[in-house]
Amino acid sequence: MPEITQPTISAETPTTTSAEAVTPAAEAETRRRAEKLLEHLLQHHYQYHAQKESTAHGVLALEILIAGAIVSRDPWPPTWITERHIGALLGIAWLMFHLFLRFTLQKRRWAALRYAAMLSLARKWVQAAPTRNDLAAASRPTLLQSKTIRQKILWVLDFVLPVPRRFHPFDLAEGELPQCFLVAIREQERIGTGTLFPELIISAASWFVLFVILFKLF
């Protein structure tokens, strides 16, 4: 009876690489998914920016309304509370309003940068379709990086008035985006979007409300 041997694969046996395994149909499907993702991000960042802008305007309007009520109050201070207590309460209330306002405006700036980046990327894709390298998965950034002293100072100052700075660290979701998406975002962060000046005006108006309240108190 003949001996049965197991077939072996020699070192010279040709193998198929991952790059060769990618068919034109698979590339087209990847490109279609990237286009859908781009469309989704454009809509998401536009709506998120609009929501944060409306919220910031509402907070500032509420601050102005409260300041107007205080200025028009006569006699001042109210007889049911001491001047020291009313000053402390108004100070805490303004600080909470201002921090929330700054947080909202930071998120508005964040959304504006990413919306502009996605719009720029969409324009590029009109001229030339994305390549395989463009749609390759980006190397996942280190998300829990320790901030430097300078970055910590800028982070604190950005809650006082807007500070031009890069958002750090990377967002969790951005670590899953294709390479070209991250490149577009970082390029847009370098260029800016022009939202910093309006943000400065709104934040300065909040500080003006505080000065009006202090003038009435003292």
Protein backbone atom coordinates (compact mmCIF):
# COMPACT_ATOMS: atom_id res chain seq x y z
CA MET A 1 0.00 0.00 0.00
CA PRO A 2 1.53 3.30 -1.02
CA GLU A 3 2.51 5.70 1.74
CA ILE A 4 0.36 8.82 1.97
CA THR A 5 2.27 11.99 2.76
CA GLN A 6 0.93 15.41 3.74
CA PRO A 7 1.49 18.12 1.16
CA THR A 8 3.92 20.83 2.17
CA ILE A 9 4.17 24.43 1.06
CA SER A 10 7.66 25.42 0.04
CA ALA A 11 9.12 28.83 0.73
CA GLU A 12 8.83 29.57 -2.97
CA THR A 13 5.06 29.11 -3.00
CA PRO A 14 3.55 32.47 -4.07
CA THR A 15 1.36 34.20 -1.53
CA THR A 16 -1.14 36.98 -1.98
CA THR A 17 -0.35 40.23 -0.18
CA SER A 18 -3.01 42.39 1.41
CA ALA A 19 -2.42 45.09 -1.22
CA GLU A 20 -2.94 42.55 -4.06
CA ALA A 21 -6.09 41.27 -2.35
CA VAL A 22 -7.76 44.68 -2.65
CA THR A 23 -9.92 44.51 -5.76
CA PRO A 24 -11.24 47.52 -7.70
CA ALA A 25 -14.70 46.72 -6.35
CA ALA A 26 -13.38 46.80 -2.78
CA GLU A 27 -11.65 50.12 -3.41
CA ALA A 28 -14.85 51.56 -4.85
CA GLU A 29 -16.79 50.39 -1.79
CA THR A 30 -14.22 51.94 0.55
CA ARG A 31 -14.43 55.20 -1.38
CA ARG A 32 -18.23 55.13 -1.20
CA ARG A 33 -18.13 54.64 2.58
CA ALA A 34 -15.64 57.48 2.95
CA GLU A 35 -17.93 59.76 0.97
CA LYS A 36 -20.86 58.82 3.20
CA LEU A 37 -18.73 59.48 6.28
CA LEU A 38 -17.71 62.87 4.90
CA GLU A 39 -21.34 63.75 4.22
CA HIS A 40 -22.31 62.70 7.75
CA LEU A 41 -19.50 64.71 9.37
CA LEU A 42 -20.40 67.81 7.37
CA GLN A 43 -23.99 67.63 8.56
CA HIS A 44 -23.04 66.74 12.13
CA HIS A 45 -20.50 69.54 12.60
CA TYR A 46 -22.81 72.11 10.97
CA GLN A 47 -25.67 71.24 13.30
CA TYR A 48 -23.38 71.05 16.35
CA HIS A 49 -21.89 74.46 15.53
CA ALA A 50 -25.35 76.00 15.11
CA GLN A 51 -26.56 74.51 18.40
CA LYS A 52 -23.55 75.80 20.35
CA GLU A 53 -23.85 79.23 18.76
CA SER A 54 -27.53 79.48 19.74
CA THR A 55 -26.72 78.32 23.27
CA ALA A 56 -23.94 80.91 23.66
CA HIS A 57 -26.23 83.72 22.48
CA GLY A 58 -28.91 82.55 24.90
CA VAL A 59 -26.50 82.53 27.86
CA LEU A 60 -25.24 86.02 27.04
CA ALA A 61 -28.81 87.31 26.65
CA LEU A 62 -29.68 85.86 30.06
CA GLU A 63 -26.65 87.57 31.61
CA ILE A 64 -27.68 90.91 30.11
CA LEU A 65 -31.27 90.40 31.29
CA ILE A 66 -30.14 89.74 34.87
CA ALA A 67 -27.77 92.71 34.81
CA GLY A 68 -30.57 94.94 33.51
CA ALA A 69 -32.88 93.81 36.29
CA ILE A 70 -30.19 94.58 38.88
CA VAL A 71 -29.43 98.02 37.48
CA SER A 72 -33.11 99.00 37.34
CA ARG A 73 -33.79 97.71 40.85
CA ASP A 74 -34.63 100.46 43.30
CA PRO A 75 -33.98 100.49 46.19
CA TRP A 76 -30.70 98.58 46.16
CA PRO A 77 -29.78 96.23 47.74
CA PRO A 78 -33.05 94.40 48.56
CA THR A 79 -34.03 94.64 52.19
CA TRP A 80 -34.31 90.85 52.65
CA ILE A 81 -30.60 90.17 52.08
CA THR A 82 -27.35 91.80 53.09
CA GLU A 83 -25.12 93.54 50.58
CA ARG A 84 -22.30 91.07 51.21
CA HIS A 85 -24.53 88.06 50.57
CA ILE A 86 -26.09 89.46 47.42
CA GLY A 87 -22.62 90.30 46.11
CA ALA A 88 -21.38 86.75 46.76
CA LEU A 89 -24.44 85.18 45.13
CA LEU A 90 -24.20 87.38 42.04
CA GLY A 91 -20.47 86.71 41.75
CA ILE A 92 -20.96 82.94 41.88
CA ALA A 93 -23.86 83.14 39.42
CA TRP A 94 -21.83 85.21 36.94
CA LEU A 95 -18.86 82.84 37.21
CA MET A 96 -21.06 79.83 36.43
CA PHE A 97 -22.64 81.64 33.48
CA HIS A 98 -19.26 82.75 32.14
CA LEU A 99 -17.60 79.34 32.42
CA PHE A 100 -20.53 77.73 30.65
CA LEU A 101 -20.42 80.44 27.99
CA ARG A 102 -16.70 79.88 27.40
CA PHE A 103 -17.17 76.10 27.27
CA THR A 104 -19.94 76.52 24.71
CA LEU A 105 -17.87 78.89 22.58
CA GLN A 106 -14.90 76.52 22.68
CA LYS A 107 -17.10 73.73 21.34
CA ARG A 108 -18.45 76.11 18.70
CA ARG A 109 -14.88 76.86 17.57
CA TRP A 110 -14.09 73.13 17.60
CA ALA A 111 -17.07 72.39 15.35
CA ALA A 112 -16.29 75.30 13.02
CA LEU A 113 -12.74 74.03 12.49
CA ARG A 114 -13.89 70.53 11.65
CA TYR A 115 -16.74 71.69 9.42
CA ALA A 116 -14.32 73.86 7.45
CA ALA A 117 -11.85 70.96 7.22
CA MET A 118 -14.50 68.56 5.91
CA LEU A 119 -15.71 71.18 3.41
CA SER A 120 -12.15 71.66 2.17
CA LEU A 121 -11.76 67.92 1.81
CA ALA A 122 -15.02 67.70 -0.16
CA ARG A 123 -13.73 70.35 -2.58
CA LYS A 124 -10.54 68.37 -3.13
CA TRP A 125 -12.50 65.21 -3.84
CA VAL A 126 -14.45 67.03 -6.55
CA GLN A 127 -11.17 67.62 -8.40
CA ALA A 128 -9.57 64.23 -7.68
CA ALA A 129 -10.92 61.07 -6.09
CA PRO A 130 -9.19 59.98 -2.86
CA THR A 131 -6.44 57.43 -3.25
CA ARG A 132 -5.94 54.23 -1.30
CA ASN A 133 -3.33 55.93 0.86
CA ASP A 134 -5.72 58.82 1.60
CA LEU A 135 -8.32 56.39 2.93
CA ALA A 136 -5.87 54.27 4.90
CA ALA A 137 -6.49 54.08 8.62
CA ALA A 138 -4.52 56.71 10.47
CA SER A 139 -2.08 55.65 13.14
CA ARG A 140 -4.03 55.96 16.35
CA PRO A 141 -2.69 58.90 18.35
CA THR A 142 -1.74 58.70 21.99
CA LEU A 143 -4.93 59.94 23.60
CA LEU A 144 -3.79 60.32 27.18
CA GLN A 145 -0.82 62.58 26.67
CA SER A 146 0.31 64.64 29.63
CA LYS A 147 -0.07 68.35 29.03
CA THR A 148 2.90 70.66 29.30
CA ILE A 149 2.88 73.62 31.68
CA ARG A 150 2.28 75.96 28.75
CA GLN A 151 -0.70 73.92 27.55
CA LYS A 152 -2.19 73.91 31.04
CA ILE A 153 -1.83 77.69 31.29
CA LEU A 154 -3.46 78.15 27.88
CA TRP A 155 -6.27 75.80 28.91
CA VAL A 156 -7.01 77.94 31.98
CA LEU A 157 -6.73 81.23 30.09
CA ASP A 158 -9.11 79.96 27.43
CA PHE A 159 -11.88 80.00 30.05
CA VAL A 160 -11.19 83.70 30.64
CA LEU A 161 -10.94 84.88 27.03
CA PRO A 162 -10.43 82.91 23.80
CA VAL A 163 -6.83 81.85 23.20
CA PRO A 164 -5.60 80.70 19.77
CA ARG A 165 -4.37 77.18 20.46
CA ARG A 166 -4.57 73.67 19.10
CA PHE A 167 -7.09 71.36 20.70
CA HIS A 168 -5.20 68.77 22.73
CA PRO A 169 -5.29 65.83 22.99
CA PHE A 170 -6.89 64.21 19.94
CA ASP A 171 -10.54 63.38 20.28
CA LEU A 172 -11.28 59.70 20.77
CA ALA A 173 -13.35 59.52 17.59
CA GLU A 174 -10.63 61.14 15.50
CA GLY A 175 -8.32 58.21 16.14
CA GLU A 176 -10.61 56.10 13.93
CA LEU A 177 -10.77 58.48 10.94
CA PRO A 178 -8.95 57.87 7.64
CA GLN A 179 -5.60 59.57 7.21
CA CYS A 180 -6.85 62.30 4.86
CA PHE A 181 -9.49 63.38 7.37
CA LEU A 182 -6.92 63.97 10.10
CA VAL A 183 -4.60 65.78 7.69
CA ALA A 184 -7.44 68.12 6.70
CA ILE A 185 -8.33 68.82 10.34
CA ARG A 186 -4.74 69.63 11.35
CA GLU A 187 -4.29 71.85 8.30
CA GLN A 188 -7.48 73.74 9.11
CA GLU A 189 -6.36 74.20 12.72
CA ARG A 190 -3.20 75.82 11.37
CA ILE A 191 -5.15 78.14 9.05
CA GLY A 192 -8.07 78.92 11.36
CA THR A 193 -11.65 79.81 10.44
CA GLY A 194 -12.11 83.40 11.56
CA THR A 195 -14.36 82.45 14.48
CA LEU A 196 -11.92 83.73 17.11
CA PHE A 197 -12.84 87.42 16.81
CA PRO A 198 -16.63 86.95 17.24
CA GLU A 199 -15.86 84.65 20.17
CA LEU A 200 -13.73 87.40 21.70
CA ILE A 201 -16.56 89.94 21.33
CA ILE A 202 -19.11 87.65 23.02
CA SER A 203 -16.70 86.83 25.86
CA ALA A 204 -15.84 90.51 26.35
CA ALA A 205 -19.56 91.28 26.55
CA SER A 206 -19.84 88.79 29.40
CA TRP A 207 -17.04 90.58 31.24
CA PHE A 208 -18.80 93.91 30.62
CA VAL A 209 -21.90 92.50 32.30
CA LEU A 210 -19.78 91.74 35.36
CA PHE A 211 -18.43 95.30 35.47
CA VAL A 212 -21.98 96.67 35.26
CA ILE A 213 -23.05 94.49 38.20
CA LEU A 214 -19.98 95.54 40.23
CA PHE A 215 -20.71 99.20 39.48
CA LYS A 216 -24.24 98.76 40.83
CA LEU A 217 -23.02 96.90 43.91
CA PHE A 218 -20.27 99.32 44.89
